[in-house]
mmCIF file of all heavy atoms, coordinates in Angstrom:
data_MODEL
# 
_entry.id   MODEL 
# 
loop_
_atom_site.group_PDB 
_atom_site.id 
_atom_site.type_symbol 
_atom_site.label_atom_id 
_atom_site.label_alt_id 
_atom_site.label_comp_id 
_atom_site.label_asym_id 
_atom_site.label_entity_id 
_atom_site.label_seq_id 
_atom_site.pdbx_PDB_ins_code 
_atom_site.Cartn_x 
_atom_site.Cartn_y 
_atom_site.Cartn_z 
_atom_site.occupancy 
_atom_site.B_iso_or_equiv 
_atom_site.pdbx_formal_charge 
_atom_site.auth_seq_id 
_atom_site.auth_comp_id 
_atom_site.auth_asym_id 
_atom_site.auth_atom_id 
_atom_site.pdbx_PDB_model_num 
ATOM 1   N N   . ILE A 1 1  ? 84.886 75.681 93.203  1.00 0.00 ? 1  ILE A N   1 
ATOM 2   C CA  . ILE A 1 1  ? 84.158 76.039 94.474  1.00 0.00 ? 1  ILE A CA  1 
ATOM 3   C C   . ILE A 1 1  ? 82.562 75.651 94.013  1.00 0.00 ? 1  ILE A C   1 
ATOM 4   O O   . ILE A 1 1  ? 81.731 75.146 94.774  1.00 0.00 ? 1  ILE A O   1 
ATOM 5   C CB  . ILE A 1 1  ? 84.336 77.351 94.978  1.00 0.00 ? 1  ILE A CB  1 
ATOM 6   C CG1 . ILE A 1 1  ? 85.669 77.503 95.409  1.00 0.00 ? 1  ILE A CG1 1 
ATOM 7   C CG2 . ILE A 1 1  ? 83.328 77.667 96.011  1.00 0.00 ? 1  ILE A CG2 1 
ATOM 8   C CD1 . ILE A 1 1  ? 85.997 76.630 96.550  1.00 0.00 ? 1  ILE A CD1 1 
ATOM 9   N N   . LEU A 1 2  ? 82.111 76.331 92.895  1.00 0.00 ? 2  LEU A N   1 
ATOM 10  C CA  . LEU A 1 2  ? 80.676 76.253 92.465  1.00 0.00 ? 2  LEU A CA  1 
ATOM 11  C C   . LEU A 1 2  ? 80.287 74.678 92.354  1.00 0.00 ? 2  LEU A C   1 
ATOM 12  O O   . LEU A 1 2  ? 79.212 74.306 92.904  1.00 0.00 ? 2  LEU A O   1 
ATOM 13  C CB  . LEU A 1 2  ? 80.542 76.876 91.158  1.00 0.00 ? 2  LEU A CB  1 
ATOM 14  C CG  . LEU A 1 2  ? 79.174 76.802 90.521  1.00 0.00 ? 2  LEU A CG  1 
ATOM 15  C CD1 . LEU A 1 2  ? 78.087 77.313 91.514  1.00 0.00 ? 2  LEU A CD1 1 
ATOM 16  C CD2 . LEU A 1 2  ? 79.095 77.589 89.168  1.00 0.00 ? 2  LEU A CD2 1 
ATOM 17  N N   . SER A 1 3  ? 81.137 73.873 91.736  1.00 0.00 ? 3  SER A N   1 
ATOM 18  C CA  . SER A 1 3  ? 80.777 72.486 91.473  1.00 0.00 ? 3  SER A CA  1 
ATOM 19  C C   . SER A 1 3  ? 80.803 71.785 92.822  1.00 0.00 ? 3  SER A C   1 
ATOM 20  O O   . SER A 1 3  ? 80.014 71.022 93.069  1.00 0.00 ? 3  SER A O   1 
ATOM 21  C CB  . SER A 1 3  ? 81.883 71.988 90.579  1.00 0.00 ? 3  SER A CB  1 
ATOM 22  O OG  . SER A 1 3  ? 81.529 70.658 90.235  1.00 0.00 ? 3  SER A OG  1 
ATOM 23  N N   . GLN A 1 4  ? 81.728 72.092 93.754  1.00 0.00 ? 4  GLN A N   1 
ATOM 24  C CA  . GLN A 1 4  ? 81.817 71.442 95.055  1.00 0.00 ? 4  GLN A CA  1 
ATOM 25  C C   . GLN A 1 4  ? 80.465 71.772 95.792  1.00 0.00 ? 4  GLN A C   1 
ATOM 26  O O   . GLN A 1 4  ? 79.968 70.963 96.487  1.00 0.00 ? 4  GLN A O   1 
ATOM 27  C CB  . GLN A 1 4  ? 82.963 71.972 95.830  1.00 0.00 ? 4  GLN A CB  1 
ATOM 28  C CG  . GLN A 1 4  ? 84.337 71.513 95.362  1.00 0.00 ? 4  GLN A CG  1 
ATOM 29  C CD  . GLN A 1 4  ? 85.534 72.153 96.103  1.00 0.00 ? 4  GLN A CD  1 
ATOM 30  O OE1 . GLN A 1 4  ? 85.380 72.495 97.128  1.00 0.00 ? 4  GLN A OE1 1 
ATOM 31  N NE2 . GLN A 1 4  ? 86.609 72.237 95.385  1.00 0.00 ? 4  GLN A NE2 1 
ATOM 32  N N   . LYS A 1 5  ? 80.146 73.100 95.750  1.00 0.00 ? 5  LYS A N   1 
ATOM 33  C CA  . LYS A 1 5  ? 78.865 73.427 96.551  1.00 0.00 ? 5  LYS A CA  1 
ATOM 34  C C   . LYS A 1 5  ? 77.662 72.624 96.073  1.00 0.00 ? 5  LYS A C   1 
ATOM 35  O O   . LYS A 1 5  ? 76.813 72.289 96.886  1.00 0.00 ? 5  LYS A O   1 
ATOM 36  C CB  . LYS A 1 5  ? 78.693 74.841 96.343  1.00 0.00 ? 5  LYS A CB  1 
ATOM 37  C CG  . LYS A 1 5  ? 79.666 75.686 97.167  1.00 0.00 ? 5  LYS A CG  1 
ATOM 38  C CD  . LYS A 1 5  ? 79.523 77.237 97.012  1.00 0.00 ? 5  LYS A CD  1 
ATOM 39  C CE  . LYS A 1 5  ? 78.470 77.745 97.955  1.00 0.00 ? 5  LYS A CE  1 
ATOM 40  N NZ  . LYS A 1 5  ? 78.459 79.264 97.939  1.00 0.00 ? 5  LYS A NZ  1 
ATOM 41  N N   . ILE A 1 6  ? 77.492 72.560 94.808  1.00 0.00 ? 6  ILE A N   1 
ATOM 42  C CA  . ILE A 1 6  ? 76.445 71.711 94.166  1.00 0.00 ? 6  ILE A CA  1 
ATOM 43  C C   . ILE A 1 6  ? 76.486 70.323 94.621  1.00 0.00 ? 6  ILE A C   1 
ATOM 44  O O   . ILE A 1 6  ? 75.565 69.725 95.234  1.00 0.00 ? 6  ILE A O   1 
ATOM 45  C CB  . ILE A 1 6  ? 76.398 71.802 92.699  1.00 0.00 ? 6  ILE A CB  1 
ATOM 46  C CG1 . ILE A 1 6  ? 76.103 73.275 92.186  1.00 0.00 ? 6  ILE A CG1 1 
ATOM 47  C CG2 . ILE A 1 6  ? 75.347 70.870 92.049  1.00 0.00 ? 6  ILE A CG2 1 
ATOM 48  C CD1 . ILE A 1 6  ? 76.394 73.484 90.643  1.00 0.00 ? 6  ILE A CD1 1 
ATOM 49  N N   . LYS A 1 7  ? 77.675 69.635 94.471  1.00 0.00 ? 7  LYS A N   1 
ATOM 50  C CA  . LYS A 1 7  ? 77.731 68.197 94.723  1.00 0.00 ? 7  LYS A CA  1 
ATOM 51  C C   . LYS A 1 7  ? 77.710 67.919 96.268  1.00 0.00 ? 7  LYS A C   1 
ATOM 52  O O   . LYS A 1 7  ? 77.274 66.741 96.676  1.00 0.00 ? 7  LYS A O   1 
ATOM 53  C CB  . LYS A 1 7  ? 79.079 67.672 94.286  1.00 0.00 ? 7  LYS A CB  1 
ATOM 54  C CG  . LYS A 1 7  ? 79.073 67.646 92.690  1.00 0.00 ? 7  LYS A CG  1 
ATOM 55  C CD  . LYS A 1 7  ? 80.434 66.985 92.242  1.00 0.00 ? 7  LYS A CD  1 
ATOM 56  C CE  . LYS A 1 7  ? 80.358 66.871 90.711  1.00 0.00 ? 7  LYS A CE  1 
ATOM 57  N NZ  . LYS A 1 7  ? 81.670 66.320 90.234  1.00 0.00 ? 7  LYS A NZ  1 
ATOM 58  N N   . GLU A 1 8  ? 78.121 68.818 97.195  1.00 0.00 ? 8  GLU A N   1 
ATOM 59  C CA  . GLU A 1 8  ? 77.910 68.642 98.603  1.00 0.00 ? 8  GLU A CA  1 
ATOM 60  C C   . GLU A 1 8  ? 76.468 68.400 98.900  1.00 0.00 ? 8  GLU A C   1 
ATOM 61  O O   . GLU A 1 8  ? 76.129 67.727 99.902  1.00 0.00 ? 8  GLU A O   1 
ATOM 62  C CB  . GLU A 1 8  ? 78.475 69.861 99.400  1.00 0.00 ? 8  GLU A CB  1 
ATOM 63  C CG  . GLU A 1 8  ? 79.965 69.956 99.469  1.00 0.00 ? 8  GLU A CG  1 
ATOM 64  C CD  . GLU A 1 8  ? 80.482 71.259 100.013 1.00 0.00 ? 8  GLU A CD  1 
ATOM 65  O OE1 . GLU A 1 8  ? 79.696 72.101 100.387 1.00 0.00 ? 8  GLU A OE1 1 
ATOM 66  O OE2 . GLU A 1 8  ? 81.738 71.445 99.936  1.00 0.00 ? 8  GLU A OE2 1 
ATOM 67  N N   . LYS A 1 9  ? 75.566 69.017 98.210  1.00 0.00 ? 9  LYS A N   1 
ATOM 68  C CA  . LYS A 1 9  ? 74.100 69.031 98.489  1.00 0.00 ? 9  LYS A CA  1 
ATOM 69  C C   . LYS A 1 9  ? 73.497 67.893 97.624  1.00 0.00 ? 9  LYS A C   1 
ATOM 70  O O   . LYS A 1 9  ? 72.583 67.166 98.053  1.00 0.00 ? 9  LYS A O   1 
ATOM 71  C CB  . LYS A 1 9  ? 73.414 70.308 98.259  1.00 0.00 ? 9  LYS A CB  1 
ATOM 72  C CG  . LYS A 1 9  ? 73.915 71.441 99.076  1.00 0.00 ? 9  LYS A CG  1 
ATOM 73  C CD  . LYS A 1 9  ? 73.168 71.513 100.352 1.00 0.00 ? 9  LYS A CD  1 
ATOM 74  C CE  . LYS A 1 9  ? 73.377 72.814 101.139 1.00 0.00 ? 9  LYS A CE  1 
ATOM 75  N NZ  . LYS A 1 9  ? 72.601 72.826 102.312 1.00 0.00 ? 9  LYS A NZ  1 
ATOM 76  N N   . TRP A 1 10 ? 73.945 67.881 96.363  1.00 0.00 ? 10 TRP A N   1 
ATOM 77  C CA  . TRP A 1 10 ? 73.238 66.946 95.424  1.00 0.00 ? 10 TRP A CA  1 
ATOM 78  C C   . TRP A 1 10 ? 74.241 66.190 94.658  1.00 0.00 ? 10 TRP A C   1 
ATOM 79  O O   . TRP A 1 10 ? 74.965 66.780 93.837  1.00 0.00 ? 10 TRP A O   1 
ATOM 80  C CB  . TRP A 1 10 ? 72.362 67.868 94.622  1.00 0.00 ? 10 TRP A CB  1 
ATOM 81  C CG  . TRP A 1 10 ? 71.258 67.148 93.753  1.00 0.00 ? 10 TRP A CG  1 
ATOM 82  C CD1 . TRP A 1 10 ? 70.788 65.804 93.914  1.00 0.00 ? 10 TRP A CD1 1 
ATOM 83  C CD2 . TRP A 1 10 ? 70.465 67.771 92.726  1.00 0.00 ? 10 TRP A CD2 1 
ATOM 84  N NE1 . TRP A 1 10 ? 69.834 65.523 93.042  1.00 0.00 ? 10 TRP A NE1 1 
ATOM 85  C CE2 . TRP A 1 10 ? 69.560 66.671 92.182  1.00 0.00 ? 10 TRP A CE2 1 
ATOM 86  C CE3 . TRP A 1 10 ? 70.447 68.922 92.183  1.00 0.00 ? 10 TRP A CE3 1 
ATOM 87  C CZ2 . TRP A 1 10 ? 68.708 66.884 91.249  1.00 0.00 ? 10 TRP A CZ2 1 
ATOM 88  C CZ3 . TRP A 1 10 ? 69.479 69.133 90.999  1.00 0.00 ? 10 TRP A CZ3 1 
ATOM 89  C CH2 . TRP A 1 10 ? 68.648 68.118 90.702  1.00 0.00 ? 10 TRP A CH2 1 
ATOM 90  N N   . ASN A 1 11 ? 74.340 64.903 94.903  1.00 0.00 ? 11 ASN A N   1 
ATOM 91  C CA  . ASN A 1 11 ? 75.355 64.008 94.315  1.00 0.00 ? 11 ASN A CA  1 
ATOM 92  C C   . ASN A 1 11 ? 74.958 63.599 92.881  1.00 0.00 ? 11 ASN A C   1 
ATOM 93  O O   . ASN A 1 11 ? 74.497 62.415 92.579  1.00 0.00 ? 11 ASN A O   1 
ATOM 94  C CB  . ASN A 1 11 ? 75.668 62.745 95.117  1.00 0.00 ? 11 ASN A CB  1 
ATOM 95  C CG  . ASN A 1 11 ? 76.840 62.043 94.698  1.00 0.00 ? 11 ASN A CG  1 
ATOM 96  O OD1 . ASN A 1 11 ? 77.681 62.652 94.100  1.00 0.00 ? 11 ASN A OD1 1 
ATOM 97  N ND2 . ASN A 1 11 ? 76.746 60.736 94.952  1.00 0.00 ? 11 ASN A ND2 1 
ATOM 98  N N   . ILE A 1 12 ? 74.941 64.526 91.845  1.00 0.00 ? 12 ILE A N   1 
ATOM 99  C CA  . ILE A 1 12 ? 74.643 64.285 90.504  1.00 0.00 ? 12 ILE A CA  1 
ATOM 100 C C   . ILE A 1 12 ? 76.010 64.485 89.691  1.00 0.00 ? 12 ILE A C   1 
ATOM 101 O O   . ILE A 1 12 ? 76.880 65.124 90.151  1.00 0.00 ? 12 ILE A O   1 
ATOM 102 C CB  . ILE A 1 12 ? 73.671 65.049 90.016  1.00 0.00 ? 12 ILE A CB  1 
ATOM 103 C CG1 . ILE A 1 12 ? 73.887 66.642 90.083  1.00 0.00 ? 12 ILE A CG1 1 
ATOM 104 C CG2 . ILE A 1 12 ? 72.303 64.631 90.649  1.00 0.00 ? 12 ILE A CG2 1 
ATOM 105 C CD1 . ILE A 1 12 ? 72.817 67.474 89.298  1.00 0.00 ? 12 ILE A CD1 1 
ATOM 106 N N   . LYS A 1 13 ? 76.014 63.923 88.610  1.00 0.00 ? 13 LYS A N   1 
ATOM 107 C CA  . LYS A 1 13 ? 77.321 64.262 87.552  1.00 0.00 ? 13 LYS A CA  1 
ATOM 108 C C   . LYS A 1 13 ? 77.132 65.575 87.004  1.00 0.00 ? 13 LYS A C   1 
ATOM 109 O O   . LYS A 1 13 ? 75.954 65.944 86.467  1.00 0.00 ? 13 LYS A O   1 
ATOM 110 C CB  . LYS A 1 13 ? 77.246 63.094 86.516  1.00 0.00 ? 13 LYS A CB  1 
ATOM 111 C CG  . LYS A 1 13 ? 77.502 61.744 87.110  1.00 0.00 ? 13 LYS A CG  1 
ATOM 112 C CD  . LYS A 1 13 ? 78.938 61.392 87.322  1.00 0.00 ? 13 LYS A CD  1 
ATOM 113 C CE  . LYS A 1 13 ? 79.214 59.953 87.603  1.00 0.00 ? 13 LYS A CE  1 
ATOM 114 N NZ  . LYS A 1 13 ? 80.609 59.713 87.979  1.00 0.00 ? 13 LYS A NZ  1 
ATOM 115 N N   . LEU A 1 14 ? 78.189 66.361 86.863  1.00 0.00 ? 14 LEU A N   1 
ATOM 116 C CA  . LEU A 1 14 ? 78.179 67.580 86.166  1.00 0.00 ? 14 LEU A CA  1 
ATOM 117 C C   . LEU A 1 14 ? 79.113 67.556 85.061  1.00 0.00 ? 14 LEU A C   1 
ATOM 118 O O   . LEU A 1 14 ? 80.250 67.200 85.236  1.00 0.00 ? 14 LEU A O   1 
ATOM 119 C CB  . LEU A 1 14 ? 78.551 68.672 87.216  1.00 0.00 ? 14 LEU A CB  1 
ATOM 120 C CG  . LEU A 1 14 ? 77.751 68.830 88.493  1.00 0.00 ? 14 LEU A CG  1 
ATOM 121 C CD1 . LEU A 1 14 ? 78.317 69.961 89.306  1.00 0.00 ? 14 LEU A CD1 1 
ATOM 122 C CD2 . LEU A 1 14 ? 76.267 69.109 88.119  1.00 0.00 ? 14 LEU A CD2 1 
ATOM 123 N N   . PHE A 1 15 ? 78.732 67.828 83.913  1.00 0.00 ? 15 PHE A N   1 
ATOM 124 C CA  . PHE A 1 15 ? 79.477 67.770 82.731  1.00 0.00 ? 15 PHE A CA  1 
ATOM 125 C C   . PHE A 1 15 ? 79.698 69.208 82.113  1.00 0.00 ? 15 PHE A C   1 
ATOM 126 O O   . PHE A 1 15 ? 78.774 69.940 81.973  1.00 0.00 ? 15 PHE A O   1 
ATOM 127 C CB  . PHE A 1 15 ? 78.803 66.916 81.644  1.00 0.00 ? 15 PHE A CB  1 
ATOM 128 C CG  . PHE A 1 15 ? 78.654 65.457 81.959  1.00 0.00 ? 15 PHE A CG  1 
ATOM 129 C CD1 . PHE A 1 15 ? 77.465 65.062 82.554  1.00 0.00 ? 15 PHE A CD1 1 
ATOM 130 C CD2 . PHE A 1 15 ? 79.621 64.596 81.625  1.00 0.00 ? 15 PHE A CD2 1 
ATOM 131 C CE1 . PHE A 1 15 ? 77.346 63.754 82.991  1.00 0.00 ? 15 PHE A CE1 1 
ATOM 132 C CE2 . PHE A 1 15 ? 79.542 63.267 82.034  1.00 0.00 ? 15 PHE A CE2 1 
ATOM 133 C CZ  . PHE A 1 15 ? 78.353 62.862 82.703  1.00 0.00 ? 15 PHE A CZ  1 
ATOM 134 N N   . SER A 1 16 ? 81.040 69.571 81.902  1.00 0.00 ? 16 SER A N   1 
ATOM 135 C CA  . SER A 1 16 ? 81.274 70.925 81.225  1.00 0.00 ? 16 SER A CA  1 
ATOM 136 C C   . SER A 1 16 ? 81.004 70.832 79.898  1.00 0.00 ? 16 SER A C   1 
ATOM 137 O O   . SER A 1 16 ? 81.267 69.775 79.104  1.00 0.00 ? 16 SER A O   1 
ATOM 138 C CB  . SER A 1 16 ? 82.806 71.176 81.553  1.00 0.00 ? 16 SER A CB  1 
ATOM 139 O OG  . SER A 1 16 ? 83.088 71.532 82.886  1.00 0.00 ? 16 SER A OG  1 
ATOM 140 N N   . THR A 1 17 ? 80.537 71.941 79.314  1.00 0.00 ? 17 THR A N   1 
ATOM 141 C CA  . THR A 1 17 ? 80.532 71.991 77.766  1.00 0.00 ? 17 THR A CA  1 
ATOM 142 C C   . THR A 1 17 ? 80.942 73.467 77.459  1.00 0.00 ? 17 THR A C   1 
ATOM 143 O O   . THR A 1 17 ? 80.587 74.483 78.267  1.00 0.00 ? 17 THR A O   1 
ATOM 144 C CB  . THR A 1 17 ? 79.139 71.763 77.283  1.00 0.00 ? 17 THR A CB  1 
ATOM 145 O OG1 . THR A 1 17 ? 79.185 71.731 75.722  1.00 0.00 ? 17 THR A OG1 1 
ATOM 146 C CG2 . THR A 1 17 ? 77.961 72.627 77.672  1.00 0.00 ? 17 THR A CG2 1 
ATOM 147 N N   . TYR A 1 18 ? 81.646 73.705 76.343  1.00 0.00 ? 18 TYR A N   1 
ATOM 148 C CA  . TYR A 1 18 ? 81.993 75.073 75.924  1.00 0.00 ? 18 TYR A CA  1 
ATOM 149 C C   . TYR A 1 18 ? 81.657 75.145 74.379  1.00 0.00 ? 18 TYR A C   1 
ATOM 150 O O   . TYR A 1 18 ? 81.983 74.356 73.697  1.00 0.00 ? 18 TYR A O   1 
ATOM 151 C CB  . TYR A 1 18 ? 83.570 75.182 76.075  1.00 0.00 ? 18 TYR A CB  1 
ATOM 152 C CG  . TYR A 1 18 ? 84.171 76.330 75.374  1.00 0.00 ? 18 TYR A CG  1 
ATOM 153 C CD1 . TYR A 1 18 ? 84.011 77.619 75.876  1.00 0.00 ? 18 TYR A CD1 1 
ATOM 154 C CD2 . TYR A 1 18 ? 84.766 76.071 74.123  1.00 0.00 ? 18 TYR A CD2 1 
ATOM 155 C CE1 . TYR A 1 18 ? 84.635 78.707 75.093  1.00 0.00 ? 18 TYR A CE1 1 
ATOM 156 C CE2 . TYR A 1 18 ? 85.407 77.088 73.469  1.00 0.00 ? 18 TYR A CE2 1 
ATOM 157 C CZ  . TYR A 1 18 ? 85.244 78.443 73.856  1.00 0.00 ? 18 TYR A CZ  1 
ATOM 158 O OH  . TYR A 1 18 ? 85.891 79.502 73.219  1.00 0.00 ? 18 TYR A OH  1 
ATOM 159 N N   . ALA A 1 19 ? 81.017 76.253 74.122  1.00 0.00 ? 19 ALA A N   1 
ATOM 160 C CA  . ALA A 1 19 ? 80.655 76.544 72.757  1.00 0.00 ? 19 ALA A CA  1 
ATOM 161 C C   . ALA A 1 19 ? 80.444 78.039 72.576  1.00 0.00 ? 19 ALA A C   1 
ATOM 162 O O   . ALA A 1 19 ? 80.536 78.822 73.448  1.00 0.00 ? 19 ALA A O   1 
ATOM 163 C CB  . ALA A 1 19 ? 79.335 75.763 72.361  1.00 0.00 ? 19 ALA A CB  1 
ATOM 164 N N   . SER A 1 20 ? 80.276 78.474 71.244  1.00 0.00 ? 20 SER A N   1 
ATOM 165 C CA  . SER A 1 20 ? 79.866 79.849 70.987  1.00 0.00 ? 20 SER A CA  1 
ATOM 166 C C   . SER A 1 20 ? 79.125 79.828 69.696  1.00 0.00 ? 20 SER A C   1 
ATOM 167 O O   . SER A 1 20 ? 79.232 78.959 68.790  1.00 0.00 ? 20 SER A O   1 
ATOM 168 C CB  . SER A 1 20 ? 81.113 80.734 70.959  1.00 0.00 ? 20 SER A CB  1 
ATOM 169 O OG  . SER A 1 20 ? 81.818 80.570 69.746  1.00 0.00 ? 20 SER A OG  1 
ATOM 170 N N   . THR A 1 21 ? 78.263 81.020 69.533  1.00 0.00 ? 21 THR A N   1 
ATOM 171 C CA  . THR A 1 21 ? 77.466 81.183 68.290  1.00 0.00 ? 21 THR A CA  1 
ATOM 172 C C   . THR A 1 21 ? 78.434 81.073 67.064  1.00 0.00 ? 21 THR A C   1 
ATOM 173 O O   . THR A 1 21 ? 78.107 80.512 66.012  1.00 0.00 ? 21 THR A O   1 
ATOM 174 C CB  . THR A 1 21 ? 76.714 82.534 68.244  1.00 0.00 ? 21 THR A CB  1 
ATOM 175 O OG1 . THR A 1 21 ? 75.809 82.455 69.384  1.00 0.00 ? 21 THR A OG1 1 
ATOM 176 C CG2 . THR A 1 21 ? 75.891 82.614 67.067  1.00 0.00 ? 21 THR A CG2 1 
ATOM 177 N N   . GLU A 1 22 ? 79.478 81.821 67.186  1.00 0.00 ? 22 GLU A N   1 
ATOM 178 C CA  . GLU A 1 22 ? 80.557 81.946 66.001  1.00 0.00 ? 22 GLU A CA  1 
ATOM 179 C C   . GLU A 1 22 ? 81.054 80.512 65.548  1.00 0.00 ? 22 GLU A C   1 
ATOM 180 O O   . GLU A 1 22 ? 81.205 80.336 64.382  1.00 0.00 ? 22 GLU A O   1 
ATOM 181 C CB  . GLU A 1 22 ? 81.751 82.781 66.345  1.00 0.00 ? 22 GLU A CB  1 
ATOM 182 C CG  . GLU A 1 22 ? 81.414 84.274 66.588  1.00 0.00 ? 22 GLU A CG  1 
ATOM 183 C CD  . GLU A 1 22 ? 80.990 84.524 67.951  1.00 0.00 ? 22 GLU A CD  1 
ATOM 184 O OE1 . GLU A 1 22 ? 80.862 83.580 68.916  1.00 0.00 ? 22 GLU A OE1 1 
ATOM 185 O OE2 . GLU A 1 22 ? 80.987 85.649 68.354  1.00 0.00 ? 22 GLU A OE2 1 
ATOM 186 N N   . MET A 1 23 ? 81.248 79.605 66.521  1.00 0.00 ? 23 MET A N   1 
ATOM 187 C CA  . MET A 1 23 ? 81.684 78.321 66.195  1.00 0.00 ? 23 MET A CA  1 
ATOM 188 C C   . MET A 1 23 ? 80.781 77.447 65.775  1.00 0.00 ? 23 MET A C   1 
ATOM 189 O O   . MET A 1 23 ? 81.165 76.437 65.037  1.00 0.00 ? 23 MET A O   1 
ATOM 190 C CB  . MET A 1 23 ? 82.437 77.645 67.486  1.00 0.00 ? 23 MET A CB  1 
ATOM 191 C CG  . MET A 1 23 ? 83.617 78.507 68.025  1.00 0.00 ? 23 MET A CG  1 
ATOM 192 S SD  . MET A 1 23 ? 84.516 77.520 69.193  1.00 0.00 ? 23 MET A SD  1 
ATOM 193 C CE  . MET A 1 23 ? 83.304 77.174 70.587  1.00 0.00 ? 23 MET A CE  1 
ATOM 194 N N   . SER A 1 24 ? 79.561 77.500 66.202  1.00 0.00 ? 24 SER A N   1 
ATOM 195 C CA  . SER A 1 24 ? 78.430 76.413 65.883  1.00 0.00 ? 24 SER A CA  1 
ATOM 196 C C   . SER A 1 24 ? 78.893 75.154 66.211  1.00 0.00 ? 24 SER A C   1 
ATOM 197 O O   . SER A 1 24 ? 78.614 74.241 65.539  1.00 0.00 ? 24 SER A O   1 
ATOM 198 C CB  . SER A 1 24 ? 77.995 76.509 64.500  1.00 0.00 ? 24 SER A CB  1 
ATOM 199 O OG  . SER A 1 24 ? 77.348 77.719 64.161  1.00 0.00 ? 24 SER A OG  1 
ATOM 200 N N   . THR A 1 25 ? 79.749 74.979 67.287  1.00 0.00 ? 25 THR A N   1 
ATOM 201 C CA  . THR A 1 25 ? 80.421 73.650 67.570  1.00 0.00 ? 25 THR A CA  1 
ATOM 202 C C   . THR A 1 25 ? 80.604 73.768 69.113  1.00 0.00 ? 25 THR A C   1 
ATOM 203 O O   . THR A 1 25 ? 80.896 74.727 69.726  1.00 0.00 ? 25 THR A O   1 
ATOM 204 C CB  . THR A 1 25 ? 81.896 73.538 66.873  1.00 0.00 ? 25 THR A CB  1 
ATOM 205 O OG1 . THR A 1 25 ? 81.598 73.814 65.624  1.00 0.00 ? 25 THR A OG1 1 
ATOM 206 C CG2 . THR A 1 25 ? 82.381 72.199 67.161  1.00 0.00 ? 25 THR A CG2 1 
ATOM 207 N N   . ALA A 1 26 ? 80.533 72.612 69.702  1.00 0.00 ? 26 ALA A N   1 
ATOM 208 C CA  . ALA A 1 26 ? 80.653 72.367 71.141  1.00 0.00 ? 26 ALA A CA  1 
ATOM 209 C C   . ALA A 1 26 ? 81.854 71.493 71.449  1.00 0.00 ? 26 ALA A C   1 
ATOM 210 O O   . ALA A 1 26 ? 82.137 70.526 70.805  1.00 0.00 ? 26 ALA A O   1 
ATOM 211 C CB  . ALA A 1 26 ? 79.306 71.886 71.905  1.00 0.00 ? 26 ALA A CB  1 
ATOM 212 N N   . PHE A 1 27 ? 82.402 71.788 72.673  1.00 0.00 ? 27 PHE A N   1 
ATOM 213 C CA  . PHE A 1 27 ? 83.478 70.966 73.235  1.00 0.00 ? 27 PHE A CA  1 
ATOM 214 C C   . PHE A 1 27 ? 82.869 70.404 74.579  1.00 0.00 ? 27 PHE A C   1 
ATOM 215 O O   . PHE A 1 27 ? 82.772 71.233 75.465  1.00 0.00 ? 27 PHE A O   1 
ATOM 216 C CB  . PHE A 1 27 ? 84.766 71.627 73.445  1.00 0.00 ? 27 PHE A CB  1 
ATOM 217 C CG  . PHE A 1 27 ? 85.436 72.209 72.187  1.00 0.00 ? 27 PHE A CG  1 
ATOM 218 C CD1 . PHE A 1 27 ? 84.973 73.260 71.568  1.00 0.00 ? 27 PHE A CD1 1 
ATOM 219 C CD2 . PHE A 1 27 ? 86.524 71.520 71.808  1.00 0.00 ? 27 PHE A CD2 1 
ATOM 220 C CE1 . PHE A 1 27 ? 85.522 73.625 70.325  1.00 0.00 ? 27 PHE A CE1 1 
ATOM 221 C CE2 . PHE A 1 27 ? 87.198 71.984 70.545  1.00 0.00 ? 27 PHE A CE2 1 
ATOM 222 C CZ  . PHE A 1 27 ? 86.712 73.120 69.911  1.00 0.00 ? 27 PHE A CZ  1 
# 
């Protein structure tokens, strides 16, 4: 829903990223 609401107004690409301090690594 959050992504849909953004894109309904503003047609930009949205990229997910997931990380944490403990990992010092991002997905």
